[in-house]
Amino acid sequence: MTTRRVLVTGAGGYLGAALLPLLLRRGLRVVAADRRSGELSDPAAASRLVARARPDLTFHLAGGRSGGPDVLWRDNVGTTLALGAALARATPGS
């Protein structure tokens, strides 16, 4: 059996930090992405992360809680859209 690769965004946050040890105990190969991994609302950065991680499964836990409407939109909606598009491009036909 092949070890599954898992991408976790928001790995430095509350939920990500709790999820990582559970995944590792199951023997999964985990790519933990946090703010240092790049601005995931940028489509190019999201694509680079997905290309590096080549995930079989993704837990998208990244987001923001503070800032004005533009910042919250970028950190929550923009990140989700860019990451989703990068994952769709990486897995055509899935």
C-alpha atoms as a PDB file:
ATOM      1  CA  MET A   1       0.000   0.000   0.000  1.00  0.00           C
ATOM      2  CA  THR A   2       1.255   3.460  -0.901  1.00  0.00           C
ATOM      3  CA  THR A   3       1.526   5.992   1.888  1.00  0.00           C
ATOM      4  CA  ARG A   4      -0.966   8.769   1.279  1.00  0.00           C
ATOM      5  CA  ARG A   5       0.230  12.344   1.043  1.00  0.00           C
ATOM      6  CA  VAL A   6      -1.764  14.920   2.988  1.00  0.00           C
ATOM      7  CA  LEU A   7      -1.594  18.700   2.662  1.00  0.00           C
ATOM      8  CA  VAL A   8      -2.647  20.708   5.710  1.00  0.00           C
ATOM      9  CA  THR A   9      -2.975  24.463   5.282  1.00  0.00           C
ATOM     10  CA  GLY A  10      -3.175  26.510   8.442  1.00  0.00           C
ATOM     11  CA  ALA A  11      -0.868  24.001  10.110  1.00  0.00           C
ATOM     12  CA  GLY A  12       0.346  26.636  12.584  1.00  0.00           C
ATOM     13  CA  GLY A  13      -3.169  27.411  13.802  1.00  0.00           C
ATOM     14  CA  TYR A  14      -5.258  25.846  16.524  1.00  0.00           C
ATOM     15  CA  LEU A  15      -6.945  23.178  14.389  1.00  0.00           C
ATOM     16  CA  GLY A  16      -3.891  22.454  12.256  1.00  0.00           C
ATOM     17  CA  ALA A  17      -1.672  21.948  15.282  1.00  0.00           C
ATOM     18  CA  ALA A  18      -4.187  19.471  16.719  1.00  0.00           C
ATOM     19  CA  LEU A  19      -4.610  17.595  13.418  1.00  0.00           C
ATOM     20  CA  LEU A  20      -0.927  17.117  12.513  1.00  0.00           C
ATOM     21  CA  PRO A  21      -0.028  14.598  15.254  1.00  0.00           C
ATOM     22  CA  LEU A  22      -3.129  12.538  14.459  1.00  0.00           C
ATOM     23  CA  LEU A  23      -2.185  12.284  10.795  1.00  0.00           C
ATOM     24  CA  LEU A  24       1.444  11.479  11.550  1.00  0.00           C
ATOM     25  CA  ARG A  25       0.442   8.712  13.977  1.00  0.00           C
ATOM     26  CA  ARG A  26      -1.487   7.111  11.125  1.00  0.00           C
ATOM     27  CA  GLY A  27       1.718   6.977   9.090  1.00  0.00           C
ATOM     28  CA  LEU A  28       0.658   9.564   6.526  1.00  0.00           C
ATOM     29  CA  ARG A  29       3.156  11.778   4.722  1.00  0.00           C
ATOM     30  CA  VAL A  30       2.169  15.292   5.754  1.00  0.00           C
ATOM     31  CA  VAL A  31       3.050  18.616   4.154  1.00  0.00           C
ATOM     32  CA  ALA A  32       2.266  21.250   6.767  1.00  0.00           C
ATOM     33  CA  ALA A  33       1.717  24.697   5.263  1.00  0.00           C
ATOM     34  CA  ASP A  34       1.581  27.832   7.364  1.00  0.00           C
ATOM     35  CA  ARG A  35       2.047  31.563   6.731  1.00  0.00           C
ATOM     36  CA  ARG A  36       5.706  31.006   5.862  1.00  0.00           C
ATOM     37  CA  SER A  37       4.630  28.767   2.956  1.00  0.00           C
ATOM     38  CA  GLY A  38       3.604  31.776   0.891  1.00  0.00           C
ATOM     39  CA  GLU A  39       0.512  33.868   0.309  1.00  0.00           C
ATOM     40  CA  LEU A  40      -1.973  31.199  -0.699  1.00  0.00           C
ATOM     41  CA  SER A  41      -4.432  33.731  -2.098  1.00  0.00           C
ATOM     42  CA  ASP A  42      -1.828  34.182  -4.848  1.00  0.00           C
ATOM     43  CA  PRO A  43      -2.619  31.568  -7.518  1.00  0.00           C
ATOM     44  CA  ALA A  44       1.075  31.060  -8.337  1.00  0.00           C
ATOM     45  CA  ALA A  45       1.978  30.426  -4.682  1.00  0.00           C
ATOM     46  CA  ALA A  46      -0.958  28.035  -4.284  1.00  0.00           C
ATOM     47  CA  SER A  47       0.120  26.158  -7.416  1.00  0.00           C
ATOM     48  CA  ARG A  48       3.707  25.862  -6.169  1.00  0.00           C
ATOM     49  CA  LEU A  49       2.508  24.466  -2.849  1.00  0.00           C
ATOM     50  CA  VAL A  50       0.240  21.899  -4.517  1.00  0.00           C
ATOM     51  CA  ALA A  51       3.006  20.896  -6.948  1.00  0.00           C
ATOM     52  CA  ARG A  52       5.429  20.399  -4.048  1.00  0.00           C
ATOM     53  CA  ALA A  53       2.928  18.543  -1.841  1.00  0.00           C
ATOM     54  CA  ARG A  54       1.239  16.418  -4.540  1.00  0.00           C
ATOM     55  CA  PRO A  55      -1.517  15.648  -2.021  1.00  0.00           C
ATOM     56  CA  ASP A  56      -3.939  12.756  -2.124  1.00  0.00           C
ATOM     57  CA  LEU A  57      -5.976  14.556   0.528  1.00  0.00           C
ATOM     58  CA  THR A  58      -6.120  18.205   1.624  1.00  0.00           C
ATOM     59  CA  PHE A  59      -7.287  19.780   4.860  1.00  0.00           C
ATOM     60  CA  HIS A  60      -7.691  23.504   4.145  1.00  0.00           C
ATOM     61  CA  LEU A  61      -7.654  25.134   7.578  1.00  0.00           C
ATOM     62  CA  ALA A  62      -5.934  28.419   6.672  1.00  0.00           C
ATOM     63  CA  GLY A  63      -7.800  31.652   7.123  1.00  0.00           C
ATOM     64  CA  GLY A  64      -7.834  34.973   8.870  1.00  0.00           C
ATOM     65  CA  ARG A  65      -9.832  36.406  11.726  1.00  0.00           C
ATOM     66  CA  SER A  66      -8.827  40.041  11.763  1.00  0.00           C
ATOM     67  CA  GLY A  67      -8.500  42.982   9.420  1.00  0.00           C
ATOM     68  CA  GLY A  68     -10.865  44.911   7.255  1.00  0.00           C
ATOM     69  CA  PRO A  69     -13.220  43.409   4.689  1.00  0.00           C
ATOM     70  CA  ASP A  70     -10.539  43.316   1.985  1.00  0.00           C
ATOM     71  CA  VAL A  71      -8.081  41.475   4.212  1.00  0.00           C
ATOM     72  CA  LEU A  72     -10.698  39.002   5.439  1.00  0.00           C
ATOM     73  CA  TRP A  73     -11.853  38.347   1.871  1.00  0.00           C
ATOM     74  CA  ARG A  74      -8.274  37.709   0.733  1.00  0.00           C
ATOM     75  CA  ASP A  75      -7.362  35.526   3.713  1.00  0.00           C
ATOM     76  CA  ASN A  76     -10.508  33.388   3.615  1.00  0.00           C
ATOM     77  CA  VAL A  77     -12.232  33.455   0.243  1.00  0.00           C
ATOM     78  CA  GLY A  78      -9.206  34.299  -1.922  1.00  0.00           C
ATOM     79  CA  THR A  79      -7.118  31.579  -0.337  1.00  0.00           C
ATOM     80  CA  THR A  80      -9.861  28.984  -0.761  1.00  0.00           C
ATOM     81  CA  LEU A  81     -10.425  29.899  -4.415  1.00  0.00           C
ATOM     82  CA  ALA A  82      -6.719  29.889  -5.311  1.00  0.00           C
ATOM     83  CA  LEU A  83      -6.031  26.625  -3.496  1.00  0.00           C
ATOM     84  CA  GLY A  84      -9.119  24.962  -4.956  1.00  0.00           C
ATOM     85  CA  ALA A  85      -8.137  26.011  -8.485  1.00  0.00           C
ATOM     86  CA  ALA A  86      -4.565  24.752  -7.963  1.00  0.00           C
ATOM     87  CA  LEU A  87      -5.851  21.395  -6.715  1.00  0.00           C
ATOM     88  CA  ALA A  88      -8.263  21.106  -9.652  1.00  0.00           C
ATOM     89  CA  ARG A  89      -5.457  21.803 -12.134  1.00  0.00           C
ATOM     90  CA  ALA A  90      -3.245  19.229 -10.440  1.00  0.00           C
ATOM     91  CA  THR A  91      -5.914  16.506 -10.620  1.00  0.00           C
ATOM     92  CA  PRO A  92      -7.669  16.863 -13.972  1.00  0.00           C
ATOM     93  CA  GLY A  93     -10.591  14.528 -14.465  1.00  0.00           C
ATOM     94  CA  SER A  94     -10.971  13.746 -10.761  1.00  0.00           C
END
